[in-house]
Amino acid sequence: LVHLVESGGDSVEAGGSLRLSCAVTEASSNSGSHVNDYCMGWFRQVPGKEREGVAVIDSDGTTKYADSVTGRFTISQDNAKTTLFLQMNSLKPEDTAEYYCAADPPGYCSIDSITYPDDWGQGTQVTVSS
């Protein structure tokens, strides 16, 4: 079980930037895996619409992005892997959503898999006005 707490959501104008942060704490582990080995990422959701995976970073640092954010968003972690970041540049109104930090045990790490992860946070709202 991984405890995740997001912050950094805000209201910005189109073209602006935001950086989301997620504090990562391993609450318990029955599998023998350590959170440092987890697949970490972000997904977003607009009420009434399907969840959308945004970005993932695997334990070896490999990153993947949804086509809709490629070139504009960057996912990263601090060296201790206690904080996950999502740098969002050139924001568009269609980026408006609740953003959730997510964690999955080691294994398959993809945009699709992080959309429905084992653990996720409470979310942080990003609103982009035109």
Protein backbone atom coordinates (compact mmCIF):
# COMPACT_ATOMS: atom_id res chain seq x y z
CA LEU A 1 0.00 0.00 0.00
CA VAL A 2 1.38 3.37 -1.08
CA HIS A 3 0.14 6.66 0.37
CA LEU A 4 0.06 9.50 -2.15
CA VAL A 5 -0.71 13.19 -1.56
CA GLU A 6 -0.89 15.59 -4.49
CA SER A 7 -0.44 19.36 -4.47
CA GLY A 8 0.13 22.18 -6.92
CA GLY A 9 -3.18 22.34 -8.74
CA ASP A 10 -4.39 25.84 -9.62
CA SER A 11 -6.24 27.97 -12.15
CA VAL A 12 -4.12 29.34 -14.98
CA GLU A 13 -4.59 30.90 -18.38
CA ALA A 14 -3.95 28.99 -21.57
CA GLY A 15 -0.26 28.90 -22.39
CA GLY A 16 0.72 28.96 -18.75
CA SER A 17 2.60 26.41 -16.68
CA LEU A 18 2.05 24.47 -13.47
CA ARG A 19 4.07 21.91 -11.55
CA LEU A 20 2.22 19.24 -9.67
CA SER A 21 3.89 17.41 -6.79
CA CYS A 22 3.05 14.12 -5.12
CA ALA A 23 4.44 13.04 -1.76
CA VAL A 24 5.02 9.27 -1.83
CA THR A 25 5.04 7.12 1.31
CA GLU A 26 5.06 3.33 1.47
CA ALA A 27 2.46 2.40 4.08
CA SER A 28 2.88 -1.35 3.87
CA SER A 29 4.11 -4.07 1.58
CA ASN A 30 2.90 -7.66 1.49
CA SER A 31 4.52 -8.46 -1.83
CA GLY A 32 8.13 -7.86 -0.87
CA SER A 33 8.38 -5.05 -3.41
CA HIS A 34 9.61 -1.63 -2.38
CA VAL A 35 7.97 1.55 -3.58
CA ASN A 36 11.25 2.49 -5.24
CA ASP A 37 10.58 -0.36 -7.67
CA TYR A 38 7.03 0.78 -8.45
CA CYS A 39 5.63 2.22 -11.64
CA MET A 40 4.59 5.79 -10.81
CA GLY A 41 2.47 8.14 -12.83
CA TRP A 42 -0.40 10.54 -13.25
CA PHE A 43 -3.87 10.19 -14.62
CA ARG A 44 -6.60 12.81 -14.95
CA GLN A 45 -10.34 12.82 -14.97
CA VAL A 46 -13.11 15.20 -15.92
CA PRO A 47 -16.51 14.52 -14.35
CA GLY A 48 -18.63 12.46 -16.70
CA LYS A 49 -15.67 11.41 -18.84
CA GLU A 50 -13.30 8.44 -18.84
CA ARG A 51 -10.06 8.59 -16.95
CA GLU A 52 -7.03 9.44 -19.07
CA GLY A 53 -3.52 8.26 -18.32
CA VAL A 54 -1.12 11.18 -18.65
CA ALA A 55 2.43 10.07 -17.88
CA VAL A 56 4.38 7.26 -16.24
CA ILE A 57 7.91 6.77 -14.96
CA ASP A 58 9.23 3.28 -14.40
CA SER A 59 11.70 2.28 -11.69
CA ASP A 60 14.58 2.58 -14.17
CA GLY A 61 13.56 6.12 -15.09
CA THR A 62 11.89 5.28 -18.40
CA THR A 63 9.08 7.73 -19.12
CA LYS A 64 6.02 7.51 -21.34
CA TYR A 65 3.39 10.09 -22.17
CA ALA A 66 -0.08 10.28 -23.61
CA ASP A 67 -0.09 11.69 -27.13
CA SER A 68 -2.17 14.62 -25.93
CA VAL A 69 0.59 15.87 -23.60
CA THR A 70 3.78 14.77 -25.34
CA GLY A 71 6.18 17.66 -25.69
CA ARG A 72 4.34 19.75 -23.10
CA PHE A 73 4.40 17.68 -19.88
CA THR A 74 7.38 16.17 -18.10
CA ILE A 75 7.25 13.57 -15.34
CA SER A 76 10.12 13.25 -12.88
CA GLN A 77 11.09 12.13 -9.38
CA ASP A 78 13.50 13.33 -6.78
CA ASN A 79 16.56 11.13 -6.17
CA ALA A 80 15.04 9.52 -3.08
CA LYS A 81 11.82 8.75 -4.99
CA THR A 82 9.78 10.34 -2.21
CA THR A 83 8.26 12.99 -4.46
CA LEU A 84 6.81 12.65 -7.93
CA PHE A 85 6.44 15.71 -10.17
CA LEU A 86 4.50 16.64 -13.27
CA GLN A 87 5.72 19.77 -15.02
CA MET A 88 2.99 21.05 -17.30
CA ASN A 89 3.82 23.70 -19.89
CA SER A 90 1.82 25.29 -22.71
CA LEU A 91 -1.38 24.39 -20.92
CA LYS A 92 -4.59 24.20 -22.91
CA PRO A 93 -8.23 24.44 -21.79
CA GLU A 94 -8.59 20.74 -22.61
CA ASP A 95 -6.03 19.98 -19.90
CA THR A 96 -8.60 21.06 -17.31
CA ALA A 97 -9.20 18.07 -15.01
CA GLU A 98 -8.61 16.56 -11.61
CA TYR A 99 -5.09 15.16 -11.63
CA TYR A 100 -4.25 12.06 -9.61
CA CYS A 101 -0.88 10.67 -8.62
CA ALA A 102 -0.79 6.90 -9.07
CA ALA A 103 1.36 3.91 -8.14
CA ASP A 104 1.49 0.31 -9.34
CA PRO A 105 3.67 -2.58 -8.15
CA PRO A 106 6.53 -3.68 -10.41
CA GLY A 107 5.45 -5.21 -13.65
CA TYR A 108 3.85 -3.71 -16.71
CA CYS A 109 4.22 0.10 -16.67
CA SER A 110 2.26 1.98 -19.30
CA ILE A 111 -0.13 4.86 -19.86
CA ASP A 112 -2.96 2.33 -19.98
CA SER A 113 -1.95 0.50 -16.80
CA ILE A 114 -1.50 3.69 -14.73
CA THR A 115 -5.04 4.78 -15.63
CA TYR A 116 -6.42 2.18 -13.21
CA PRO A 117 -3.61 1.76 -10.66
CA ASP A 118 -3.46 -0.09 -7.34
CA ASP A 119 -3.01 3.15 -5.36
CA TRP A 120 -3.83 6.78 -6.07
CA GLY A 121 -4.13 10.06 -4.19
CA GLN A 122 -7.01 12.37 -3.48
CA GLY A 123 -6.40 14.50 -6.58
CA THR A 124 -5.59 18.12 -7.30
CA GLN A 125 -7.64 20.35 -9.60
CA VAL A 126 -6.10 22.01 -12.64
CA THR A 127 -8.22 24.59 -14.45
CA VAL A 128 -7.02 26.23 -17.66
CA SER A 129 -8.98 29.18 -19.00
CA SER A 130 -8.92 30.34 -22.61
